[in-house]
Amino acid sequence: MDLIVPVLLQLAVTSPLLLVWLVGIVLAVLRLHDARFRLVLIALILFLILNVTGTVVNLVLPISLQRRFMPAAEIGAILGGVGLVRVLLETVGWVLLLVALFRRTPQDRLTGEGKA
């Protein structure tokens, strides 16, 4: 319970970014008829989940592991693994956004637009 305040403070610090993602999610939902916005929606939801869960994990996990008398080296290795998973998932989100942004639509193929 003593970690609620630090978690909330950290989420407050990232709230502008969370707000941007929430607005993006709403806008993507309104345009779901276009497959590109489905990719945007998935990416933004992924970013939002990763940010919130990452904030909680990065604050709670080290203290929880310390209370179990885990050595600092092991805690560091666990946090490193968590960080690696988070970066890989964020990379997936960015790939989805880039595909949504630069993928040629069927209309582009018909008109010949969008060729590099």
PDB file of N, CA and C in Angstrom:
ATOM      1  N   MET A   1       0.813  -1.200   0.000  1.00  0.00           N
ATOM      2  CA  MET A   1       0.000   0.000   0.000  1.00  0.00           C
ATOM      3  C   MET A   1       0.855   1.263   0.000  1.00  0.00           C
ATOM      4  N   ASP A   2       2.095   1.129   0.469  1.00  0.00           N
ATOM      5  CA  ASP A   2       2.953   2.303   0.539  1.00  0.00           C
ATOM      6  C   ASP A   2       3.465   2.725  -0.836  1.00  0.00           C
ATOM      7  N   LEU A   3       3.179   1.943  -1.860  1.00  0.00           N
ATOM      8  CA  LEU A   3       3.637   2.277  -3.211  1.00  0.00           C
ATOM      9  C   LEU A   3       2.568   2.949  -4.061  1.00  0.00           C
ATOM     10  N   ILE A   4       1.379   3.089  -3.531  1.00  0.00           N
ATOM     11  CA  ILE A   4       0.293   3.684  -4.312  1.00  0.00           C
ATOM     12  C   ILE A   4       0.621   5.122  -4.695  1.00  0.00           C
ATOM     13  N   VAL A   5       1.120   5.897  -3.755  1.00  0.00           N
ATOM     14  CA  VAL A   5       1.429   7.306  -4.033  1.00  0.00           C
ATOM     15  C   VAL A   5       2.526   7.438  -5.094  1.00  0.00           C
ATOM     16  N   PRO A   6       3.659   6.708  -4.984  1.00  0.00           N
ATOM     17  CA  PRO A   6       4.669   6.828  -6.045  1.00  0.00           C
ATOM     18  C   PRO A   6       4.155   6.386  -7.417  1.00  0.00           C
ATOM     19  N   VAL A   7       3.345   5.335  -7.461  1.00  0.00           N
ATOM     20  CA  VAL A   7       2.789   4.880  -8.744  1.00  0.00           C
ATOM     21  C   VAL A   7       1.890   5.959  -9.333  1.00  0.00           C
ATOM     22  N   LEU A   8       1.021   6.528  -8.507  1.00  0.00           N
ATOM     23  CA  LEU A   8       0.123   7.581  -8.993  1.00  0.00           C
ATOM     24  C   LEU A   8       0.894   8.823  -9.431  1.00  0.00           C
ATOM     25  N   LEU A   9       1.945   9.167  -8.700  1.00  0.00           N
ATOM     26  CA  LEU A   9       2.763  10.317  -9.096  1.00  0.00           C
ATOM     27  C   LEU A   9       3.448  10.070 -10.440  1.00  0.00           C
ATOM     28  N   GLN A  10       3.974   8.875 -10.617  1.00  0.00           N
ATOM     29  CA  GLN A  10       4.631   8.550 -11.882  1.00  0.00           C
ATOM     30  C   GLN A  10       3.628   8.560 -13.034  1.00  0.00           C
ATOM     31  N   LEU A  11       2.447   8.033 -12.801  1.00  0.00           N
ATOM     32  CA  LEU A  11       1.411   8.071 -13.837  1.00  0.00           C
ATOM     33  C   LEU A  11       0.991   9.515 -14.126  1.00  0.00           C
ATOM     34  N   ALA A  12       0.968  10.356 -13.097  1.00  0.00           N
ATOM     35  CA  ALA A  12       0.648  11.771 -13.313  1.00  0.00           C
ATOM     36  C   ALA A  12       1.706  12.439 -14.183  1.00  0.00           C
ATOM     37  N   VAL A  13       2.965  12.065 -13.975  1.00  0.00           N
ATOM     38  CA  VAL A  13       4.048  12.631 -14.786  1.00  0.00           C
ATOM     39  C   VAL A  13       3.873  12.252 -16.251  1.00  0.00           C
ATOM     40  N   THR A  14       3.429  11.016 -16.502  1.00  0.00           N
ATOM     41  CA  THR A  14       3.274  10.556 -17.884  1.00  0.00           C
ATOM     42  C   THR A  14       1.879  10.822 -18.442  1.00  0.00           C
ATOM     43  N   SER A  15       1.044  11.501 -17.666  1.00  0.00           N
ATOM     44  CA  SER A  15      -0.343  11.724 -18.103  1.00  0.00           C
ATOM     45  C   SER A  15      -0.479  12.458 -19.436  1.00  0.00           C
ATOM     46  N   PRO A  16       0.387  13.413 -19.794  1.00  0.00           N
ATOM     47  CA  PRO A  16       0.222  14.008 -21.125  1.00  0.00           C
ATOM     48  C   PRO A  16       0.364  12.975 -22.247  1.00  0.00           C
ATOM     49  N   LEU A  17       1.307  12.082 -22.100  1.00  0.00           N
ATOM     50  CA  LEU A  17       1.495  11.033 -23.094  1.00  0.00           C
ATOM     51  C   LEU A  17       0.316  10.061 -23.090  1.00  0.00           C
ATOM     52  N   LEU A  18      -0.163   9.706 -21.905  1.00  0.00           N
ATOM     53  CA  LEU A  18      -1.328   8.829 -21.806  1.00  0.00           C
ATOM     54  C   LEU A  18      -2.541   9.478 -22.455  1.00  0.00           C
ATOM     55  N   LEU A  19      -2.696  10.774 -22.268  1.00  0.00           N
ATOM     56  CA  LEU A  19      -3.820  11.499 -22.865  1.00  0.00           C
ATOM     57  C   LEU A  19      -3.736  11.484 -24.393  1.00  0.00           C
ATOM     58  N   VAL A  20      -2.544  11.688 -24.928  1.00  0.00           N
ATOM     59  CA  VAL A  20      -2.358  11.650 -26.388  1.00  0.00           C
ATOM     60  C   VAL A  20      -2.739  10.274 -26.921  1.00  0.00           C
ATOM     61  N   TRP A  21      -2.289   9.220 -26.238  1.00  0.00           N
ATOM     62  CA  TRP A  21      -2.637   7.866 -26.684  1.00  0.00           C
ATOM     63  C   TRP A  21      -4.139   7.625 -26.595  1.00  0.00           C
ATOM     64  N   LEU A  22      -4.788   8.101 -25.533  1.00  0.00           N
ATOM     65  CA  LEU A  22      -6.233   7.919 -25.399  1.00  0.00           C
ATOM     66  C   LEU A  22      -6.990   8.639 -26.515  1.00  0.00           C
ATOM     67  N   VAL A  23      -6.574   9.858 -26.837  1.00  0.00           N
ATOM     68  CA  VAL A  23      -7.204  10.593 -27.938  1.00  0.00           C
ATOM     69  C   VAL A  23      -6.984   9.838 -29.251  1.00  0.00           C
ATOM     70  N   GLY A  24      -5.772   9.340 -29.457  1.00  0.00           N
ATOM     71  CA  GLY A  24      -5.479   8.561 -30.659  1.00  0.00           C
ATOM     72  C   GLY A  24      -6.321   7.306 -30.741  1.00  0.00           C
ATOM     73  N   ILE A  25      -6.543   6.658 -29.605  1.00  0.00           N
ATOM     74  CA  ILE A  25      -7.380   5.459 -29.576  1.00  0.00           C
ATOM     75  C   ILE A  25      -8.812   5.799 -29.985  1.00  0.00           C
ATOM     76  N   VAL A  26      -9.347   6.887 -29.441  1.00  0.00           N
ATOM     77  CA  VAL A  26     -10.713   7.303 -29.786  1.00  0.00           C
ATOM     78  C   VAL A  26     -10.806   7.621 -31.279  1.00  0.00           C
ATOM     79  N   LEU A  27      -9.824   8.361 -31.798  1.00  0.00           N
ATOM     80  CA  LEU A  27      -9.850   8.711 -33.223  1.00  0.00           C
ATOM     81  C   LEU A  27      -9.719   7.471 -34.109  1.00  0.00           C
ATOM     82  N   ALA A  28      -8.902   6.522 -33.698  1.00  0.00           N
ATOM     83  CA  ALA A  28      -8.746   5.286 -34.476  1.00  0.00           C
ATOM     84  C   ALA A  28     -10.033   4.465 -34.451  1.00  0.00           C
ATOM     85  N   VAL A  29     -10.710   4.423 -33.312  1.00  0.00           N
ATOM     86  CA  VAL A  29     -11.975   3.685 -33.215  1.00  0.00           C
ATOM     87  C   VAL A  29     -13.005   4.285 -34.165  1.00  0.00           C
ATOM     88  N   LEU A  30     -13.000   5.597 -34.292  1.00  0.00           N
ATOM     89  CA  LEU A  30     -13.959   6.267 -35.184  1.00  0.00           C
ATOM     90  C   LEU A  30     -13.671   5.994 -36.662  1.00  0.00           C
ATOM     91  N   ARG A  31     -12.488   5.463 -36.956  1.00  0.00           N
ATOM     92  CA  ARG A  31     -12.103   5.202 -38.351  1.00  0.00           C
ATOM     93  C   ARG A  31     -11.773   3.726 -38.592  1.00  0.00           C
ATOM     94  N   LEU A  32     -12.403   2.843 -37.854  1.00  0.00           N
ATOM     95  CA  LEU A  32     -12.086   1.419 -37.951  1.00  0.00           C
ATOM     96  C   LEU A  32     -12.431   0.808 -39.308  1.00  0.00           C
ATOM     97  N   HIS A  33     -13.220   1.516 -40.121  1.00  0.00           N
ATOM     98  CA  HIS A  33     -13.539   0.993 -41.448  1.00  0.00           C
ATOM     99  C   HIS A  33     -12.286   0.892 -42.325  1.00  0.00           C
ATOM    100  N   ASP A  34     -11.248   1.640 -41.984  1.00  0.00           N
ATOM    101  CA  ASP A  34      -9.971   1.601 -42.706  1.00  0.00           C
ATOM    102  C   ASP A  34      -9.006   0.703 -41.930  1.00  0.00           C
ATOM    103  N   ALA A  35      -8.495  -0.319 -42.600  1.00  0.00           N
ATOM    104  CA  ALA A  35      -7.625  -1.306 -41.937  1.00  0.00           C
ATOM    105  C   ALA A  35      -6.392  -0.654 -41.316  1.00  0.00           C
ATOM    106  N   ARG A  36      -5.923   0.438 -41.895  1.00  0.00           N
ATOM    107  CA  ARG A  36      -4.741   1.095 -41.337  1.00  0.00           C
ATOM    108  C   ARG A  36      -4.990   1.573 -39.914  1.00  0.00           C
ATOM    109  N   PHE A  37      -6.201   2.037 -39.644  1.00  0.00           N
ATOM    110  CA  PHE A  37      -6.507   2.542 -38.307  1.00  0.00           C
ATOM    111  C   PHE A  37      -6.660   1.412 -37.291  1.00  0.00           C
ATOM    112  N   ARG A  38      -6.934   0.191 -37.775  1.00  0.00           N
ATOM    113  CA  ARG A  38      -6.920  -0.951 -36.858  1.00  0.00           C
ATOM    114  C   ARG A  38      -5.508  -1.175 -36.335  1.00  0.00           C
ATOM    115  N   LEU A  39      -4.534  -1.035 -37.220  1.00  0.00           N
ATOM    116  CA  LEU A  39      -3.135  -1.164 -36.794  1.00  0.00           C
ATOM    117  C   LEU A  39      -2.758  -0.052 -35.817  1.00  0.00           C
ATOM    118  N   VAL A  40      -3.203   1.146 -36.104  1.00  0.00           N
ATOM    119  CA  VAL A  40      -2.937   2.279 -35.205  1.00  0.00           C
ATOM    120  C   VAL A  40      -3.573   2.019 -33.847  1.00  0.00           C
ATOM    121  N   LEU A  41      -4.801   1.529 -33.852  1.00  0.00           N
ATOM    122  CA  LEU A  41      -5.505   1.236 -32.603  1.00  0.00           C
ATOM    123  C   LEU A  41      -4.742   0.202 -31.772  1.00  0.00           C
ATOM    124  N   ILE A  42      -4.309  -0.871 -32.407  1.00  0.00           N
ATOM    125  CA  ILE A  42      -3.562  -1.910 -31.696  1.00  0.00           C
ATOM    126  C   ILE A  42      -2.275  -1.326 -31.112  1.00  0.00           C
ATOM    127  N   ALA A  43      -1.561  -0.539 -31.914  1.00  0.00           N
ATOM    128  CA  ALA A  43      -0.290   0.036 -31.456  1.00  0.00           C
ATOM    129  C   ALA A  43      -0.509   0.974 -30.272  1.00  0.00           C
ATOM    130  N   LEU A  44      -1.504   1.833 -30.342  1.00  0.00           N
ATOM    131  CA  LEU A  44      -1.739   2.794 -29.259  1.00  0.00           C
ATOM    132  C   LEU A  44      -2.196   2.112 -27.972  1.00  0.00           C
ATOM    133  N   ILE A  45      -3.035   1.086 -28.111  1.00  0.00           N
ATOM    134  CA  ILE A  45      -3.443   0.330 -26.925  1.00  0.00           C
ATOM    135  C   ILE A  45      -2.227  -0.362 -26.318  1.00  0.00           C
ATOM    136  N   LEU A  46      -1.377  -0.912 -27.166  1.00  0.00           N
ATOM    137  CA  LEU A  46      -0.157  -1.556 -26.681  1.00  0.00           C
ATOM    138  C   LEU A  46       0.726  -0.569 -25.929  1.00  0.00           C
ATOM    139  N   PHE A  47       0.928   0.624 -26.506  1.00  0.00           N
ATOM    140  CA  PHE A  47       1.740   1.650 -25.833  1.00  0.00           C
ATOM    141  C   PHE A  47       1.141   2.031 -24.480  1.00  0.00           C
ATOM    142  N   LEU A  48      -0.162   2.199 -24.445  1.00  0.00           N
ATOM    143  CA  LEU A  48      -0.838   2.584 -23.200  1.00  0.00           C
ATOM    144  C   LEU A  48      -0.667   1.500 -22.131  1.00  0.00           C
ATOM    145  N   ILE A  49      -0.911   0.265 -22.503  1.00  0.00           N
ATOM    146  CA  ILE A  49      -0.770  -0.845 -21.550  1.00  0.00           C
ATOM    147  C   ILE A  49       0.672  -0.963 -21.072  1.00  0.00           C
ATOM    148  N   LEU A  50       1.623  -0.872 -22.003  1.00  0.00           N
ATOM    149  CA  LEU A  50       3.031  -0.993 -21.623  1.00  0.00           C
ATOM    150  C   LEU A  50       3.459   0.124 -20.679  1.00  0.00           C
ATOM    151  N   ASN A  51       2.967   1.330 -20.916  1.00  0.00           N
ATOM    152  CA  ASN A  51       3.345   2.443 -20.051  1.00  0.00           C
ATOM    153  C   ASN A  51       2.807   2.257 -18.641  1.00  0.00           C
ATOM    154  N   VAL A  52       1.536   1.932 -18.539  1.00  0.00           N
ATOM    155  CA  VAL A  52       0.923   1.794 -17.212  1.00  0.00           C
ATOM    156  C   VAL A  52       1.509   0.595 -16.478  1.00  0.00           C
ATOM    157  N   THR A  53       1.552  -0.558 -17.128  1.00  0.00           N
ATOM    158  CA  THR A  53       2.095  -1.738 -16.453  1.00  0.00           C
ATOM    159  C   THR A  53       3.586  -1.574 -16.178  1.00  0.00           C
ATOM    160  N   GLY A  54       4.306  -0.949 -17.105  1.00  0.00           N
ATOM    161  CA  GLY A  54       5.733  -0.724 -16.895  1.00  0.00           C
ATOM    162  C   GLY A  54       5.997   0.174 -15.701  1.00  0.00           C
ATOM    163  N   THR A  55       5.173   1.192 -15.540  1.00  0.00           N
ATOM    164  CA  THR A  55       5.313   2.085 -14.389  1.00  0.00           C
ATOM    165  C   THR A  55       5.116   1.316 -13.090  1.00  0.00           C
ATOM    166  N   VAL A  56       4.078   0.516 -13.047  1.00  0.00           N
ATOM    167  CA  VAL A  56       3.800  -0.255 -11.831  1.00  0.00           C
ATOM    168  C   VAL A  56       4.916  -1.268 -11.577  1.00  0.00           C
ATOM    169  N   VAL A  57       5.301  -1.997 -12.602  1.00  0.00           N
ATOM    170  CA  VAL A  57       6.330  -3.029 -12.439  1.00  0.00           C
ATOM    171  C   VAL A  57       7.658  -2.414 -12.011  1.00  0.00           C
ATOM    172  N   ASN A  58       8.055  -1.307 -12.641  1.00  0.00           N
ATOM    173  CA  ASN A  58       9.343  -0.697 -12.310  1.00  0.00           C
ATOM    174  C   ASN A  58       9.389  -0.125 -10.889  1.00  0.00           C
ATOM    175  N   LEU A  59       8.252   0.207 -10.329  1.00  0.00           N
ATOM    176  CA  LEU A  59       8.230   0.707  -8.959  1.00  0.00           C
ATOM    177  C   LEU A  59       8.011  -0.397  -7.930  1.00  0.00           C
ATOM    178  N   VAL A  60       7.168  -1.361  -8.254  1.00  0.00           N
ATOM    179  CA  VAL A  60       6.785  -2.385  -7.281  1.00  0.00           C
ATOM    180  C   VAL A  60       7.769  -3.554  -7.264  1.00  0.00           C
ATOM    181  N   LEU A  61       8.209  -4.001  -8.425  1.00  0.00           N
ATOM    182  CA  LEU A  61       9.037  -5.209  -8.493  1.00  0.00           C
ATOM    183  C   LEU A  61      10.336  -5.108  -7.697  1.00  0.00           C
ATOM    184  N   PRO A  62      11.134  -4.046  -7.851  1.00  0.00           N
ATOM    185  CA  PRO A  62      12.379  -4.001  -7.083  1.00  0.00           C
ATOM    186  C   PRO A  62      12.160  -4.056  -5.571  1.00  0.00           C
ATOM    187  N   ILE A  63      11.177  -3.333  -5.086  1.00  0.00           N
ATOM    188  CA  ILE A  63      10.911  -3.319  -3.653  1.00  0.00           C
ATOM    189  C   ILE A  63      10.403  -4.681  -3.196  1.00  0.00           C
ATOM    190  N   SER A  64       9.553  -5.292  -3.986  1.00  0.00           N
ATOM    191  CA  SER A  64       9.039  -6.618  -3.647  1.00  0.00           C
ATOM    192  C   SER A  64      10.168  -7.644  -3.596  1.00  0.00           C
ATOM    193  N   LEU A  65      11.073  -7.576  -4.548  1.00  0.00           N
ATOM    194  CA  LEU A  65      12.193  -8.520  -4.567  1.00  0.00           C
ATOM    195  C   LEU A  65      13.174  -8.253  -3.420  1.00  0.00           C
ATOM    196  N   GLN A  66      13.378  -6.977  -3.083  1.00  0.00           N
ATOM    197  CA  GLN A  66      14.244  -6.639  -1.944  1.00  0.00           C
ATOM    198  C   GLN A  66      13.679  -7.190  -0.642  1.00  0.00           C
ATOM    199  N   ARG A  67      12.382  -7.126  -0.495  1.00  0.00           N
ATOM    200  CA  ARG A  67      11.739  -7.631   0.725  1.00  0.00           C
ATOM    201  C   ARG A  67      11.906  -9.145   0.854  1.00  0.00           C
ATOM    202  N   ARG A  68      12.155  -9.803  -0.257  1.00  0.00           N
ATOM    203  CA  ARG A  68      12.409 -11.253  -0.226  1.00  0.00           C
ATOM    204  C   ARG A  68      13.909 -11.543  -0.108  1.00  0.00           C
ATOM    205  N   PHE A  69      14.664 -10.507   0.181  1.00  0.00           N
ATOM    206  CA  PHE A  69      16.111 -10.607   0.380  1.00  0.00           C
ATOM    207  C   PHE A  69      16.845 -11.150  -0.839  1.00  0.00           C
ATOM    208  N   MET A  70      16.360 -10.791  -2.009  1.00  0.00           N
ATOM    209  CA  MET A  70      17.019 -11.198  -3.242  1.00  0.00           C
ATOM    210  C   MET A  70      18.249 -10.314  -3.452  1.00  0.00           C
ATOM    211  N   PRO A  71      19.363 -10.880  -3.877  1.00  0.00           N
ATOM    212  CA  PRO A  71      20.564 -10.076  -4.119  1.00  0.00           C
ATOM    213  C   PRO A  71      20.342  -9.040  -5.230  1.00  0.00           C
ATOM    214  N   ALA A  72      21.052  -7.939  -5.099  1.00  0.00           N
ATOM    215  CA  ALA A  72      20.903  -6.832  -6.062  1.00  0.00           C
ATOM    216  C   ALA A  72      21.196  -7.282  -7.489  1.00  0.00           C
ATOM    217  N   ALA A  73      22.171  -8.163  -7.669  1.00  0.00           N
ATOM    218  CA  ALA A  73      22.515  -8.636  -9.012  1.00  0.00           C
ATOM    219  C   ALA A  73      21.342  -9.380  -9.647  1.00  0.00           C
ATOM    220  N   GLU A  74      20.642 -10.167  -8.856  1.00  0.00           N
ATOM    221  CA  GLU A  74      19.485 -10.897  -9.395  1.00  0.00           C
ATOM    222  C   GLU A  74      18.330  -9.949  -9.710  1.00  0.00           C
ATOM    223  N   ILE A  75      18.149  -8.973  -8.847  1.00  0.00           N
ATOM    224  CA  ILE A  75      17.102  -7.972  -9.105  1.00  0.00           C
ATOM    225  C   ILE A  75      17.410  -7.233 -10.404  1.00  0.00           C
ATOM    226  N   GLY A  76      18.667  -6.862 -10.576  1.00  0.00           N
ATOM    227  CA  GLY A  76      19.072  -6.181 -11.805  1.00  0.00           C
ATOM    228  C   GLY A  76      18.848  -7.041 -13.029  1.00  0.00           C
ATOM    229  N   ALA A  77      19.140  -8.336 -12.933  1.00  0.00           N
ATOM    230  CA  ALA A  77      18.931  -9.240 -14.067  1.00  0.00           C
ATOM    231  C   ALA A  77      17.442  -9.364 -14.400  1.00  0.00           C
ATOM    232  N   ILE A  78      16.618  -9.456 -13.377  1.00  0.00           N
ATOM    233  CA  ILE A  78      15.169  -9.546 -13.609  1.00  0.00           C
ATOM    234  C   ILE A  78      14.652  -8.263 -14.250  1.00  0.00           C
ATOM    235  N   LEU A  79      15.069  -7.124 -13.718  1.00  0.00           N
ATOM    236  CA  LEU A  79      14.632  -5.841 -14.298  1.00  0.00           C
ATOM    237  C   LEU A  79      15.142  -5.682 -15.727  1.00  0.00           C
ATOM    238  N   GLY A  80      16.339  -6.178 -15.992  1.00  0.00           N
ATOM    239  CA  GLY A  80      16.858  -6.142 -17.350  1.00  0.00           C
ATOM    240  C   GLY A  80      16.007  -6.976 -18.296  1.00  0.00           C
ATOM    241  N   GLY A  81      15.582  -8.143 -17.844  1.00  0.00           N
ATOM    242  CA  GLY A  81      14.698  -8.984 -18.662  1.00  0.00           C
ATOM    243  C   GLY A  81      13.350  -8.335 -18.906  1.00  0.00           C
ATOM    244  N   VAL A  82      12.810  -7.721 -17.859  1.00  0.00           N
ATOM    245  CA  VAL A  82      11.535  -7.006 -17.999  1.00  0.00           C
ATOM    246  C   VAL A  82      11.691  -5.857 -18.996  1.00  0.00           C
ATOM    247  N   GLY A  83      12.804  -5.147 -18.891  1.00  0.00           N
ATOM    248  CA  GLY A  83      13.060  -4.045 -19.813  1.00  0.00           C
ATOM    249  C   GLY A  83      13.190  -4.521 -21.243  1.00  0.00           C
ATOM    250  N   LEU A  84      13.848  -5.652 -21.445  1.00  0.00           N
ATOM    251  CA  LEU A  84      14.001  -6.205 -22.791  1.00  0.00           C
ATOM    252  C   LEU A  84      12.647  -6.556 -23.402  1.00  0.00           C
ATOM    253  N   VAL A  85      11.800  -7.207 -22.616  1.00  0.00           N
ATOM    254  CA  VAL A  85      10.462  -7.559 -23.106  1.00  0.00           C
ATOM    255  C   VAL A  85       9.685  -6.298 -23.463  1.00  0.00           C
ATOM    256  N   ARG A  86       9.793  -5.285 -22.622  1.00  0.00           N
ATOM    257  CA  ARG A  86       9.071  -4.034 -22.879  1.00  0.00           C
ATOM    258  C   ARG A  86       9.555  -3.364 -24.165  1.00  0.00           C
ATOM    259  N   VAL A  87      10.864  -3.341 -24.377  1.00  0.00           N
ATOM    260  CA  VAL A  87      11.406  -2.730 -25.603  1.00  0.00           C
ATOM    261  C   VAL A  87      10.961  -3.511 -26.838  1.00  0.00           C
ATOM    262  N   LEU A  88      10.962  -4.833 -26.746  1.00  0.00           N
ATOM    263  CA  LEU A  88      10.521  -5.643 -27.890  1.00  0.00           C
ATOM    264  C   LEU A  88       9.050  -5.385 -28.212  1.00  0.00           C
ATOM    265  N   LEU A  89       8.209  -5.287 -27.175  1.00  0.00           N
ATOM    266  CA  LEU A  89       6.795  -5.007 -27.406  1.00  0.00           C
ATOM    267  C   LEU A  89       6.581  -3.585 -27.935  1.00  0.00           C
ATOM    268  N   GLU A  90       7.351  -2.619 -27.447  1.00  0.00           N
ATOM    269  CA  GLU A  90       7.259  -1.256 -27.981  1.00  0.00           C
ATOM    270  C   GLU A  90       7.699  -1.225 -29.443  1.00  0.00           C
ATOM    271  N   THR A  91       8.688  -2.027 -29.778  1.00  0.00           N
ATOM    272  CA  THR A  91       9.132  -2.112 -31.174  1.00  0.00           C
ATOM    273  C   THR A  91       8.005  -2.633 -32.058  1.00  0.00           C
ATOM    274  N   VAL A  92       7.274  -3.626 -31.569  1.00  0.00           N
ATOM    275  CA  VAL A  92       6.122  -4.135 -32.309  1.00  0.00           C
ATOM    276  C   VAL A  92       5.118  -3.008 -32.544  1.00  0.00           C
ATOM    277  N   GLY A  93       4.858  -2.215 -31.501  1.00  0.00           N
ATOM    278  CA  GLY A  93       3.929  -1.091 -31.646  1.00  0.00           C
ATOM    279  C   GLY A  93       4.389  -0.093 -32.696  1.00  0.00           C
ATOM    280  N   TRP A  94       5.685   0.226 -32.692  1.00  0.00           N
ATOM    281  CA  TRP A  94       6.204   1.173 -33.682  1.00  0.00           C
ATOM    282  C   TRP A  94       6.150   0.597 -35.097  1.00  0.00           C
ATOM    283  N   VAL A  95       6.412  -0.685 -35.224  1.00  0.00           N
ATOM    284  CA  VAL A  95       6.308  -1.316 -36.549  1.00  0.00           C
ATOM    285  C   VAL A  95       4.871  -1.236 -37.051  1.00  0.00           C
ATOM    286  N   LEU A  96       3.916  -1.505 -36.178  1.00  0.00           N
ATOM    287  CA  LEU A  96       2.511  -1.394 -36.571  1.00  0.00           C
ATOM    288  C   LEU A  96       2.166   0.020 -37.036  1.00  0.00           C
ATOM    289  N   LEU A  97       2.653   1.019 -36.305  1.00  0.00           N
ATOM    290  CA  LEU A  97       2.384   2.407 -36.709  1.00  0.00           C
ATOM    291  C   LEU A  97       3.016   2.733 -38.055  1.00  0.00           C
ATOM    292  N   LEU A  98       4.241   2.288 -38.262  1.00  0.00           N
ATOM    293  CA  LEU A  98       4.914   2.562 -39.534  1.00  0.00           C
ATOM    294  C   LEU A  98       4.236   1.848 -40.696  1.00  0.00           C
ATOM    295  N   VAL A  99       3.797   0.622 -40.469  1.00  0.00           N
ATOM    296  CA  VAL A  99       3.065  -0.102 -41.522  1.00  0.00           C
ATOM    297  C   VAL A  99       1.769   0.639 -41.837  1.00  0.00           C
ATOM    298  N   ALA A 100       1.066   1.074 -40.795  1.00  0.00           N
ATOM    299  CA  ALA A 100      -0.188   1.814 -41.015  1.00  0.00           C
ATOM    300  C   ALA A 100       0.056   3.108 -41.775  1.00  0.00           C
ATOM    301  N   LEU A 101       1.156   3.746 -41.500  1.00  0.00           N
ATOM    302  CA  LEU A 101       1.453   5.030 -42.134  1.00  0.00           C
ATOM    303  C   LEU A 101       1.886   4.882 -43.588  1.00  0.00           C
ATOM    304  N   PHE A 102       2.707   3.889 -43.873  1.00  0.00           N
ATOM    305  CA  PHE A 102       3.318   3.804 -45.193  1.00  0.00           C
ATOM    306  C   PHE A 102       2.769   2.700 -46.083  1.00  0.00           C
ATOM    307  N   ARG A 103       1.860   1.895 -45.602  1.00  0.00           N
ATOM    308  CA  ARG A 103       1.294   0.836 -46.433  1.00  0.00           C
ATOM    309  C   ARG A 103       0.424   1.439 -47.527  1.00  0.00           C
ATOM    310  N   ARG A 104       0.580   0.923 -48.710  1.00  0.00           N
ATOM    311  CA  ARG A 104      -0.239   1.397 -49.828  1.00  0.00           C
ATOM    312  C   ARG A 104      -1.636   0.812 -49.704  1.00  0.00           C
ATOM    313  N   THR A 105      -2.632   1.637 -49.923  1.00  0.00           N
ATOM    314  CA  THR A 105      -4.021   1.189 -49.879  1.00  0.00           C
ATOM    315  C   THR A 105      -4.410   0.619 -51.239  1.00  0.00           C
ATOM    316  N   PRO A 106      -5.495  -0.135 -51.306  1.00  0.00           N
ATOM    317  CA  PRO A 106      -5.959  -0.630 -52.613  1.00  0.00           C
ATOM    318  C   PRO A 106      -6.217   0.517 -53.600  1.00  0.00           C
ATOM    319  N   GLN A 107      -6.693   1.643 -53.091  1.00  0.00           N
ATOM    320  CA  GLN A 107      -6.934   2.799 -53.955  1.00  0.00           C
ATOM    321  C   GLN A 107      -5.619   3.327 -54.527  1.00  0.00           C
ATOM    322  N   ASP A 108      -4.556   3.335 -53.705  1.00  0.00           N
ATOM    323  CA  ASP A 108      -3.243   3.761 -54.186  1.00  0.00           C
ATOM    324  C   ASP A 108      -2.762   2.848 -55.310  1.00  0.00           C
ATOM    325  N   ARG A 109      -3.019   1.561 -55.164  1.00  0.00           N
ATOM    326  CA  ARG A 109      -2.575   0.606 -56.188  1.00  0.00           C
ATOM    327  C   ARG A 109      -3.308   0.831 -57.500  1.00  0.00           C
ATOM    328  N   LEU A 110      -4.590   1.180 -57.420  1.00  0.00           N
ATOM    329  CA  LEU A 110      -5.373   1.421 -58.632  1.00  0.00           C
ATOM    330  C   LEU A 110      -4.935   2.691 -59.353  1.00  0.00           C
ATOM    331  N   THR A 111      -4.645   3.716 -58.591  1.00  0.00           N
ATOM    332  CA  THR A 111      -4.286   5.011 -59.186  1.00  0.00           C
ATOM    333  C   THR A 111      -2.788   5.135 -59.439  1.00  0.00           C
ATOM    334  N   GLY A 112      -2.001   4.209 -58.903  1.00  0.00           N
ATOM    335  CA  GLY A 112      -0.548   4.286 -59.089  1.00  0.00           C
ATOM    336  C   GLY A 112       0.139   5.235 -58.125  1.00  0.00           C
ATOM    337  N   GLU A 113      -0.620   5.758 -57.164  1.00  0.00           N
ATOM    338  CA  GLU A 113      -0.029   6.671 -56.183  1.00  0.00           C
ATOM    339  C   GLU A 113       0.704   5.888 -55.102  1.00  0.00           C
ATOM    340  N   GLY A 114       1.551   6.574 -54.384  1.00  0.00           N
ATOM    341  CA  GLY A 114       2.222   5.988 -53.248  1.00  0.00           C
ATOM    342  C   GLY A 114       3.431   5.153 -53.602  1.00  0.00           C
ATOM    343  N   LYS A 115       3.845   5.199 -54.866  1.00  0.00           N
ATOM    344  CA  LYS A 115       5.047   4.449 -55.236  1.00  0.00           C
ATOM    345  C   LYS A 115       6.271   5.216 -54.778  1.00  0.00           C
ATOM    346  N   ALA A 116       7.220   4.477 -54.260  1.00  0.00           N
ATOM    347  CA  ALA A 116       8.451   5.125 -53.770  1.00  0.00           C
ATOM    348  C   ALA A 116       9.381   5.413 -54.912  1.00  0.00           C
TER     349      ALA A 116
END
